[in-house]
Amino acid sequence: MTTRPLALAQAKATSALSQIRLVATDMDGTLTSAGEFTPALLQSFESLSQKGIDVMIVTGRSAGWVSGLVNYLPVVGAIAENGGVYIDKKSLEPEVLPDIPRMSQHRDRLAMVFRRLKKKYPHLRPSVDNVYRLTDWTFDIHDLTEDDMAQIKAFCESQTMGFTYSNVQCHIQVGRQNKAAGLARVLQKKFGQLDSQSVLTVGDSPNDETLFDAKQFPNSVGVANVVHYLPNLAHAPAYIARHPEVEGFVELTQLLTSEPISQ
């Protein structure tokens, strides 16, 4: 049974977030409003930077899409494809994070699993960014139910593949690929000066679940729209914002910087 999250406002009464130097955050549903970035988000990034706090995006979106975002946004880097690829701000070179044997054949194996899955769910269609991916295969959620998700996960595991989903996409990937594993590897290789108390993870959906694992990342926040998924999560965030989507991230930024950000 997961521990019930505390209200984010309660973090003010403790020093738990005073050591934060890196915010590792999901993107869709966490940094967006109706699927788009807002001026308040960019102001949040600026406020965090002025306080010496870096931002890293940790998203399920494709390496192709994320490489462009890293180039234009004021972030230190981004993890794409649910822990599959890291793109550093300085080099913009994609680095595959999980150990994937026979990488040249990997996408073919993912496509084969998807074709088999379509026999039961013929309406499934690859996501528009699927062609820009290196390590996973995605399809849109559309009208899939929670029961469908459970059955799809079981099927993928029977094919020795992993499965997860966000508020927008479903992901077929290797079983050991997830956001927490990818983030841990990047932190070890690129940010060795940071300990777990210096990192704050943020998310809103099941593919952020591993980022909420207190054994790896004791400081975590869910924006308010994560409430819908809490009953199905093995790990819940330590804190939960009052507001959903980017408004929740702005709320968190205000707490970290003690500065109001105009909406």
C-alpha atoms as a PDB file:
ATOM      1  CA  MET A   1       0.000   0.000   0.000  1.00  0.00           C
ATOM      2  CA  THR A   2       1.386   3.408  -0.984  1.00  0.00           C
ATOM      3  CA  THR A   3       1.851   6.199   1.545  1.00  0.00           C
ATOM      4  CA  ARG A   4      -0.653   8.998   1.065  1.00  0.00           C
ATOM      5  CA  PRO A   5       1.068  12.135  -0.290  1.00  0.00           C
ATOM      6  CA  LEU A   6       1.279  15.232   1.854  1.00  0.00           C
ATOM      7  CA  ALA A   7       0.035  18.559   0.584  1.00  0.00           C
ATOM      8  CA  LEU A   8       2.881  20.457  -1.051  1.00  0.00           C
ATOM      9  CA  ALA A   9       2.204  23.403   1.230  1.00  0.00           C
ATOM     10  CA  GLN A  10       3.267  21.243   4.191  1.00  0.00           C
ATOM     11  CA  ALA A  11       6.801  21.132   2.810  1.00  0.00           C
ATOM     12  CA  LYS A  12       7.137  24.759   3.918  1.00  0.00           C
ATOM     13  CA  ALA A  13       7.198  23.593   7.527  1.00  0.00           C
ATOM     14  CA  THR A  14      10.230  21.378   6.927  1.00  0.00           C
ATOM     15  CA  SER A  15      13.685  21.769   5.429  1.00  0.00           C
ATOM     16  CA  ALA A  16      13.154  18.820   3.083  1.00  0.00           C
ATOM     17  CA  LEU A  17      13.345  20.909  -0.072  1.00  0.00           C
ATOM     18  CA  SER A  18      15.993  23.392   1.051  1.00  0.00           C
ATOM     19  CA  GLN A  19      18.830  21.341  -0.463  1.00  0.00           C
ATOM     20  CA  ILE A  20      17.333  20.954  -3.939  1.00  0.00           C
ATOM     21  CA  ARG A  21      19.751  21.758  -6.762  1.00  0.00           C
ATOM     22  CA  LEU A  22      18.129  19.836  -9.615  1.00  0.00           C
ATOM     23  CA  VAL A  23      14.470  19.482 -10.566  1.00  0.00           C
ATOM     24  CA  ALA A  24      13.959  16.405 -12.769  1.00  0.00           C
ATOM     25  CA  THR A  25      10.488  16.792 -14.208  1.00  0.00           C
ATOM     26  CA  ASP A  26       8.062  15.097 -16.522  1.00  0.00           C
ATOM     27  CA  MET A  27       6.755  17.243 -19.377  1.00  0.00           C
ATOM     28  CA  ASP A  28       3.268  16.455 -20.760  1.00  0.00           C
ATOM     29  CA  GLY A  29       0.633  17.098 -18.111  1.00  0.00           C
ATOM     30  CA  THR A  30       3.267  18.493 -15.747  1.00  0.00           C
ATOM     31  CA  LEU A  31       4.892  21.409 -17.591  1.00  0.00           C
ATOM     32  CA  THR A  32       2.052  21.979 -20.042  1.00  0.00           C
ATOM     33  CA  SER A  33      -1.424  23.491 -20.036  1.00  0.00           C
ATOM     34  CA  ALA A  34      -3.792  21.872 -22.548  1.00  0.00           C
ATOM     35  CA  GLY A  35      -0.712  20.399 -24.213  1.00  0.00           C
ATOM     36  CA  GLU A  36       1.262  23.622 -24.587  1.00  0.00           C
ATOM     37  CA  PHE A  37       4.020  25.536 -22.792  1.00  0.00           C
ATOM     38  CA  THR A  38       3.062  28.845 -21.185  1.00  0.00           C
ATOM     39  CA  PRO A  39       4.885  32.085 -20.322  1.00  0.00           C
ATOM     40  CA  ALA A  40       4.571  31.120 -16.643  1.00  0.00           C
ATOM     41  CA  LEU A  41       6.603  27.976 -17.306  1.00  0.00           C
ATOM     42  CA  LEU A  42       9.488  29.927 -18.822  1.00  0.00           C
ATOM     43  CA  GLN A  43       9.358  32.363 -15.926  1.00  0.00           C
ATOM     44  CA  SER A  44       9.502  29.395 -13.542  1.00  0.00           C
ATOM     45  CA  PHE A  45      12.641  28.122 -15.276  1.00  0.00           C
ATOM     46  CA  GLU A  46      14.208  31.569 -14.939  1.00  0.00           C
ATOM     47  CA  SER A  47      13.306  31.846 -11.250  1.00  0.00           C
ATOM     48  CA  LEU A  48      14.798  28.416 -10.518  1.00  0.00           C
ATOM     49  CA  SER A  49      17.983  29.299 -12.410  1.00  0.00           C
ATOM     50  CA  GLN A  50      18.408  32.491 -10.390  1.00  0.00           C
ATOM     51  CA  LYS A  51      18.256  30.361  -7.233  1.00  0.00           C
ATOM     52  CA  GLY A  52      20.947  28.006  -8.569  1.00  0.00           C
ATOM     53  CA  ILE A  53      18.479  25.197  -9.290  1.00  0.00           C
ATOM     54  CA  ASP A  54      18.823  23.401 -12.634  1.00  0.00           C
ATOM     55  CA  VAL A  55      15.966  21.768 -14.546  1.00  0.00           C
ATOM     56  CA  MET A  56      16.119  18.464 -16.410  1.00  0.00           C
ATOM     57  CA  ILE A  57      13.164  17.175 -18.413  1.00  0.00           C
ATOM     58  CA  VAL A  58      12.374  13.462 -17.999  1.00  0.00           C
ATOM     59  CA  THR A  59       9.741  12.550 -20.552  1.00  0.00           C
ATOM     60  CA  GLY A  60       8.267   9.722 -22.552  1.00  0.00           C
ATOM     61  CA  ARG A  61       8.461  11.791 -25.727  1.00  0.00           C
ATOM     62  CA  SER A  62      10.771  10.736 -28.540  1.00  0.00           C
ATOM     63  CA  ALA A  63      14.474  11.492 -28.830  1.00  0.00           C
ATOM     64  CA  GLY A  64      13.725  13.396 -32.044  1.00  0.00           C
ATOM     65  CA  TRP A  65      11.275  15.769 -30.417  1.00  0.00           C
ATOM     66  CA  VAL A  66      13.301  16.167 -27.235  1.00  0.00           C
ATOM     67  CA  SER A  67      16.554  17.090 -28.984  1.00  0.00           C
ATOM     68  CA  GLY A  68      14.832  20.193 -30.337  1.00  0.00           C
ATOM     69  CA  LEU A  69      13.424  21.102 -26.921  1.00  0.00           C
ATOM     70  CA  VAL A  70      16.829  20.824 -25.252  1.00  0.00           C
ATOM     71  CA  ASN A  71      18.268  23.165 -27.837  1.00  0.00           C
ATOM     72  CA  TYR A  72      15.718  25.899 -27.167  1.00  0.00           C
ATOM     73  CA  LEU A  73      14.703  25.561 -23.522  1.00  0.00           C
ATOM     74  CA  PRO A  74      16.848  26.717 -20.559  1.00  0.00           C
ATOM     75  CA  VAL A  75      17.457  23.201 -19.214  1.00  0.00           C
ATOM     76  CA  VAL A  76      20.661  21.252 -18.512  1.00  0.00           C
ATOM     77  CA  GLY A  77      19.452  18.309 -20.575  1.00  0.00           C
ATOM     78  CA  ALA A  78      16.582  15.896 -21.039  1.00  0.00           C
ATOM     79  CA  ILE A  79      15.857  12.207 -20.744  1.00  0.00           C
ATOM     80  CA  ALA A  80      13.577  10.994 -23.528  1.00  0.00           C
ATOM     81  CA  GLU A  81      11.639   7.780 -24.150  1.00  0.00           C
ATOM     82  CA  ASN A  82      11.032   6.985 -20.474  1.00  0.00           C
ATOM     83  CA  GLY A  83      14.679   6.598 -19.553  1.00  0.00           C
ATOM     84  CA  GLY A  84      15.809   5.408 -22.960  1.00  0.00           C
ATOM     85  CA  VAL A  85      17.910   8.326 -24.184  1.00  0.00           C
ATOM     86  CA  TYR A  86      19.738  11.281 -22.606  1.00  0.00           C
ATOM     87  CA  ILE A  87      20.430  14.472 -24.531  1.00  0.00           C
ATOM     88  CA  ASP A  88      22.848  16.889 -22.898  1.00  0.00           C
ATOM     89  CA  LYS A  89      22.487  20.628 -23.465  1.00  0.00           C
ATOM     90  CA  LYS A  90      26.164  21.057 -24.331  1.00  0.00           C
ATOM     91  CA  SER A  91      26.557  18.346 -26.968  1.00  0.00           C
ATOM     92  CA  LEU A  92      22.953  17.633 -28.098  1.00  0.00           C
ATOM     93  CA  GLU A  93      24.177  14.104 -28.846  1.00  0.00           C
ATOM     94  CA  PRO A  94      21.645  11.373 -27.926  1.00  0.00           C
ATOM     95  CA  GLU A  95      23.050   8.758 -25.545  1.00  0.00           C
ATOM     96  CA  VAL A  96      21.202   5.441 -25.165  1.00  0.00           C
ATOM     97  CA  LEU A  97      20.871   4.676 -21.440  1.00  0.00           C
ATOM     98  CA  PRO A  98      19.577   1.080 -20.998  1.00  0.00           C
ATOM     99  CA  ASP A  99      21.644  -1.912 -22.035  1.00  0.00           C
ATOM    100  CA  ILE A 100      19.843  -3.071 -25.183  1.00  0.00           C
ATOM    101  CA  PRO A 101      21.411  -6.116 -26.881  1.00  0.00           C
ATOM    102  CA  ARG A 102      21.421  -6.060 -30.681  1.00  0.00           C
ATOM    103  CA  MET A 103      20.427  -2.407 -30.786  1.00  0.00           C
ATOM    104  CA  SER A 104      20.323  -2.438 -34.593  1.00  0.00           C
ATOM    105  CA  GLN A 105      17.476  -4.973 -34.444  1.00  0.00           C
ATOM    106  CA  HIS A 106      15.682  -3.508 -31.451  1.00  0.00           C
ATOM    107  CA  ARG A 107      13.086  -1.440 -33.304  1.00  0.00           C
ATOM    108  CA  ASP A 108      12.198  -4.445 -35.442  1.00  0.00           C
ATOM    109  CA  ARG A 109      11.483  -6.458 -32.278  1.00  0.00           C
ATOM    110  CA  LEU A 110       9.318  -3.655 -30.894  1.00  0.00           C
ATOM    111  CA  ALA A 111       7.377  -3.459 -34.164  1.00  0.00           C
ATOM    112  CA  MET A 112       6.774  -7.205 -34.054  1.00  0.00           C
ATOM    113  CA  VAL A 113       5.294  -6.981 -30.527  1.00  0.00           C
ATOM    114  CA  PHE A 114       3.058  -4.129 -31.669  1.00  0.00           C
ATOM    115  CA  ARG A 115       1.797  -6.121 -34.660  1.00  0.00           C
ATOM    116  CA  ARG A 116       0.896  -9.004 -32.375  1.00  0.00           C
ATOM    117  CA  LEU A 117      -0.840  -6.615 -29.999  1.00  0.00           C
ATOM    118  CA  LYS A 118      -2.927  -5.198 -32.850  1.00  0.00           C
ATOM    119  CA  LYS A 119      -4.504  -8.596 -33.442  1.00  0.00           C
ATOM    120  CA  LYS A 120      -6.444  -8.061 -30.221  1.00  0.00           C
ATOM    121  CA  TYR A 121      -6.713  -4.275 -30.493  1.00  0.00           C
ATOM    122  CA  PRO A 122      -6.939  -3.572 -34.243  1.00  0.00           C
ATOM    123  CA  HIS A 123      -7.719   0.124 -33.707  1.00  0.00           C
ATOM    124  CA  LEU A 124      -4.267   0.858 -32.246  1.00  0.00           C
ATOM    125  CA  ARG A 125      -2.135   3.282 -34.244  1.00  0.00           C
ATOM    126  CA  PRO A 126       1.488   4.323 -33.674  1.00  0.00           C
ATOM    127  CA  SER A 127       1.911   7.782 -32.164  1.00  0.00           C
ATOM    128  CA  VAL A 128       2.909  10.572 -34.529  1.00  0.00           C
ATOM    129  CA  ASP A 129       6.378  10.794 -32.951  1.00  0.00           C
ATOM    130  CA  ASN A 130       6.989   7.042 -33.104  1.00  0.00           C
ATOM    131  CA  VAL A 131       9.198   7.376 -36.193  1.00  0.00           C
ATOM    132  CA  TYR A 132      11.603   9.609 -34.239  1.00  0.00           C
ATOM    133  CA  ARG A 133      12.234   7.026 -31.509  1.00  0.00           C
ATOM    134  CA  LEU A 134      15.320   4.943 -30.759  1.00  0.00           C
ATOM    135  CA  THR A 135      14.495   2.724 -27.775  1.00  0.00           C
ATOM    136  CA  ASP A 136      10.713   2.299 -27.453  1.00  0.00           C
ATOM    137  CA  TRP A 137       7.507   2.004 -29.503  1.00  0.00           C
ATOM    138  CA  THR A 138       4.480   4.158 -28.754  1.00  0.00           C
ATOM    139  CA  PHE A 139       0.810   4.242 -29.590  1.00  0.00           C
ATOM    140  CA  ASP A 140      -1.909   6.657 -28.521  1.00  0.00           C
ATOM    141  CA  ILE A 141      -4.202   5.855 -25.610  1.00  0.00           C
ATOM    142  CA  HIS A 142      -7.490   6.954 -27.223  1.00  0.00           C
ATOM    143  CA  ASP A 143     -10.303   4.916 -25.598  1.00  0.00           C
ATOM    144  CA  LEU A 144      -8.223   2.251 -23.843  1.00  0.00           C
ATOM    145  CA  THR A 145      -9.516   1.418 -20.356  1.00  0.00           C
ATOM    146  CA  GLU A 146      -7.598   0.551 -17.191  1.00  0.00           C
ATOM    147  CA  ASP A 147      -8.446  -3.121 -17.811  1.00  0.00           C
ATOM    148  CA  ASP A 148      -7.059  -2.796 -21.333  1.00  0.00           C
ATOM    149  CA  MET A 149      -3.845  -1.361 -19.912  1.00  0.00           C
ATOM    150  CA  ALA A 150      -3.469  -4.272 -17.518  1.00  0.00           C
ATOM    151  CA  GLN A 151      -4.002  -6.798 -20.304  1.00  0.00           C
ATOM    152  CA  ILE A 152      -1.595  -5.010 -22.636  1.00  0.00           C
ATOM    153  CA  LYS A 153       1.034  -4.932 -19.904  1.00  0.00           C
ATOM    154  CA  ALA A 154       0.612  -8.676 -19.296  1.00  0.00           C
ATOM    155  CA  PHE A 155       0.904  -9.362 -23.025  1.00  0.00           C
ATOM    156  CA  CYS A 156       4.074  -7.279 -23.381  1.00  0.00           C
ATOM    157  CA  GLU A 157       5.620  -9.068 -20.416  1.00  0.00           C
ATOM    158  CA  SER A 158       4.781 -12.404 -22.071  1.00  0.00           C
ATOM    159  CA  GLN A 159       6.819 -11.140 -25.019  1.00  0.00           C
ATOM    160  CA  THR A 160       9.728 -10.267 -22.648  1.00  0.00           C
ATOM    161  CA  MET A 161       9.029  -6.548 -23.046  1.00  0.00           C
ATOM    162  CA  GLY A 162       7.970  -3.887 -20.593  1.00  0.00           C
ATOM    163  CA  PHE A 163       4.976  -1.583 -20.819  1.00  0.00           C
ATOM    164  CA  THR A 164       3.939   1.726 -19.296  1.00  0.00           C
ATOM    165  CA  TYR A 165       1.693   4.637 -20.160  1.00  0.00           C
ATOM    166  CA  SER A 166       1.232   8.339 -19.552  1.00  0.00           C
ATOM    167  CA  ASN A 167      -1.710  10.665 -20.002  1.00  0.00           C
ATOM    168  CA  VAL A 168      -1.079  10.693 -23.772  1.00  0.00           C
ATOM    169  CA  GLN A 169       0.821   7.579 -24.906  1.00  0.00           C
ATOM    170  CA  CYS A 170       1.450   3.887 -24.312  1.00  0.00           C
ATOM    171  CA  HIS A 171       5.026   2.616 -24.442  1.00  0.00           C
ATOM    172  CA  ILE A 172       6.481  -0.776 -25.348  1.00  0.00           C
ATOM    173  CA  GLN A 173      10.095  -0.991 -24.178  1.00  0.00           C
ATOM    174  CA  VAL A 174      12.637  -3.276 -22.567  1.00  0.00           C
ATOM    175  CA  GLY A 175      11.587  -4.296 -19.073  1.00  0.00           C
ATOM    176  CA  ARG A 176      14.437  -2.554 -17.275  1.00  0.00           C
ATOM    177  CA  GLN A 177      13.792   0.777 -19.008  1.00  0.00           C
ATOM    178  CA  ASN A 178      12.108   3.406 -16.884  1.00  0.00           C
ATOM    179  CA  LYS A 179      12.506   7.031 -15.897  1.00  0.00           C
ATOM    180  CA  ALA A 180      14.133   6.369 -12.530  1.00  0.00           C
ATOM    181  CA  ALA A 181      16.745   4.004 -13.963  1.00  0.00           C
ATOM    182  CA  GLY A 182      17.572   6.495 -16.699  1.00  0.00           C
ATOM    183  CA  LEU A 183      17.773   9.405 -14.278  1.00  0.00           C
ATOM    184  CA  ALA A 184      19.960   7.451 -11.846  1.00  0.00           C
ATOM    185  CA  ARG A 185      22.394   6.610 -14.640  1.00  0.00           C
ATOM    186  CA  VAL A 186      22.574  10.211 -15.850  1.00  0.00           C
ATOM    187  CA  LEU A 187      23.089  11.506 -12.318  1.00  0.00           C
ATOM    188  CA  GLN A 188      25.929   9.044 -11.762  1.00  0.00           C
ATOM    189  CA  LYS A 189      27.684   9.886 -15.027  1.00  0.00           C
ATOM    190  CA  LYS A 190      27.000  13.604 -15.366  1.00  0.00           C
ATOM    191  CA  PHE A 191      26.066  14.983 -11.939  1.00  0.00           C
ATOM    192  CA  GLY A 192      28.223  13.088  -9.485  1.00  0.00           C
ATOM    193  CA  GLN A 193      28.298  16.076  -7.126  1.00  0.00           C
ATOM    194  CA  LEU A 194      24.598  15.670  -6.361  1.00  0.00           C
ATOM    195  CA  ASP A 195      23.168  13.274  -3.802  1.00  0.00           C
ATOM    196  CA  SER A 196      19.577  12.039  -3.641  1.00  0.00           C
ATOM    197  CA  GLN A 197      18.590  14.827  -1.235  1.00  0.00           C
ATOM    198  CA  SER A 198      19.596  17.410  -3.840  1.00  0.00           C
ATOM    199  CA  VAL A 199      17.236  16.089  -6.525  1.00  0.00           C
ATOM    200  CA  LEU A 200      13.503  16.720  -6.733  1.00  0.00           C
ATOM    201  CA  THR A 201      11.425  14.605  -9.116  1.00  0.00           C
ATOM    202  CA  VAL A 202       8.079  15.780 -10.502  1.00  0.00           C
ATOM    203  CA  GLY A 203       5.359  13.990 -12.477  1.00  0.00           C
ATOM    204  CA  ASP A 204       1.695  13.350 -13.103  1.00  0.00           C
ATOM    205  CA  SER A 205       1.023   9.816 -14.427  1.00  0.00           C
ATOM    206  CA  PRO A 206       1.930   6.098 -14.305  1.00  0.00           C
ATOM    207  CA  ASN A 207       5.103   6.428 -16.362  1.00  0.00           C
ATOM    208  CA  ASP A 208       6.390   8.736 -13.593  1.00  0.00           C
ATOM    209  CA  GLU A 209       5.758   6.074 -10.960  1.00  0.00           C
ATOM    210  CA  THR A 210       9.422   5.080 -10.611  1.00  0.00           C
ATOM    211  CA  LEU A 211      10.355   8.737 -10.018  1.00  0.00           C
ATOM    212  CA  PHE A 212       8.125   8.615  -6.936  1.00  0.00           C
ATOM    213  CA  ASP A 213      10.045   5.700  -5.365  1.00  0.00           C
ATOM    214  CA  ALA A 214      11.241   7.179  -2.064  1.00  0.00           C
ATOM    215  CA  LYS A 215      14.089   4.663  -1.819  1.00  0.00           C
ATOM    216  CA  GLN A 216      15.676   6.243  -4.888  1.00  0.00           C
ATOM    217  CA  PHE A 217      14.315   9.789  -4.787  1.00  0.00           C
ATOM    218  CA  PRO A 218      13.030  10.822  -1.356  1.00  0.00           C
ATOM    219  CA  ASN A 219      11.896  14.236  -2.608  1.00  0.00           C
ATOM    220  CA  SER A 220       9.103  13.986  -5.157  1.00  0.00           C
ATOM    221  CA  VAL A 221       6.054  16.011  -6.144  1.00  0.00           C
ATOM    222  CA  GLY A 222       2.966  15.163  -8.141  1.00  0.00           C
ATOM    223  CA  VAL A 223       0.945  17.906  -9.772  1.00  0.00           C
ATOM    224  CA  ALA A 224      -2.741  17.624  -8.852  1.00  0.00           C
ATOM    225  CA  ASN A 225      -3.804  15.631 -11.912  1.00  0.00           C
ATOM    226  CA  VAL A 226      -1.818  12.652 -10.586  1.00  0.00           C
ATOM    227  CA  VAL A 227      -4.678  12.027  -8.133  1.00  0.00           C
ATOM    228  CA  HIS A 228      -6.581  10.122 -10.830  1.00  0.00           C
ATOM    229  CA  TYR A 229      -3.822   7.497 -10.979  1.00  0.00           C
ATOM    230  CA  LEU A 230      -2.878   7.178  -7.301  1.00  0.00           C
ATOM    231  CA  PRO A 231      -4.931   4.002  -6.625  1.00  0.00           C
ATOM    232  CA  ASN A 232      -2.942   2.165  -9.311  1.00  0.00           C
ATOM    233  CA  LEU A 233       0.550   3.391  -8.422  1.00  0.00           C
ATOM    234  CA  ALA A 234       3.016   1.254  -6.484  1.00  0.00           C
ATOM    235  CA  HIS A 235       4.835   4.469  -5.522  1.00  0.00           C
ATOM    236  CA  ALA A 236       3.137   7.768  -4.740  1.00  0.00           C
ATOM    237  CA  PRO A 237       4.822  11.192  -4.666  1.00  0.00           C
ATOM    238  CA  ALA A 238       5.903  12.512  -1.291  1.00  0.00           C
ATOM    239  CA  TYR A 239       3.970  15.725  -1.893  1.00  0.00           C
ATOM    240  CA  ILE A 240       1.096  16.736  -4.120  1.00  0.00           C
ATOM    241  CA  ALA A 241       0.410  20.217  -5.472  1.00  0.00           C
ATOM    242  CA  ARG A 242      -2.962  21.932  -5.137  1.00  0.00           C
ATOM    243  CA  HIS A 243      -3.039  22.745  -8.832  1.00  0.00           C
ATOM    244  CA  PRO A 244      -2.858  20.555 -11.951  1.00  0.00           C
ATOM    245  CA  GLU A 245      -0.425  20.647 -14.874  1.00  0.00           C
ATOM    246  CA  VAL A 246       1.869  23.676 -15.212  1.00  0.00           C
ATOM    247  CA  GLU A 247       0.005  25.577 -12.482  1.00  0.00           C
ATOM    248  CA  GLY A 248       1.163  22.865 -10.093  1.00  0.00           C
ATOM    249  CA  PHE A 249       4.733  23.268 -11.322  1.00  0.00           C
ATOM    250  CA  VAL A 250       4.480  27.036 -10.818  1.00  0.00           C
ATOM    251  CA  GLU A 251       3.229  26.346  -7.284  1.00  0.00           C
ATOM    252  CA  LEU A 252       6.293  24.186  -6.682  1.00  0.00           C
ATOM    253  CA  THR A 253       8.607  26.833  -8.125  1.00  0.00           C
ATOM    254  CA  GLN A 254       7.162  29.433  -5.792  1.00  0.00           C
ATOM    255  CA  LEU A 255       7.874  27.150  -2.857  1.00  0.00           C
ATOM    256  CA  LEU A 256      11.461  26.523  -3.974  1.00  0.00           C
ATOM    257  CA  THR A 257      12.221  30.169  -4.716  1.00  0.00           C
ATOM    258  CA  SER A 258       9.831  31.941  -2.306  1.00  0.00           C
ATOM    259  CA  GLU A 259       8.965  34.281  -5.153  1.00  0.00           C
ATOM    260  CA  PRO A 260       5.498  34.775  -6.663  1.00  0.00           C
ATOM    261  CA  ILE A 261       5.238  33.998 -10.376  1.00  0.00           C
ATOM    262  CA  SER A 262       2.562  35.806 -12.383  1.00  0.00           C
ATOM    263  CA  GLN A 263       0.061  33.575 -14.162  1.00  0.00           C
END
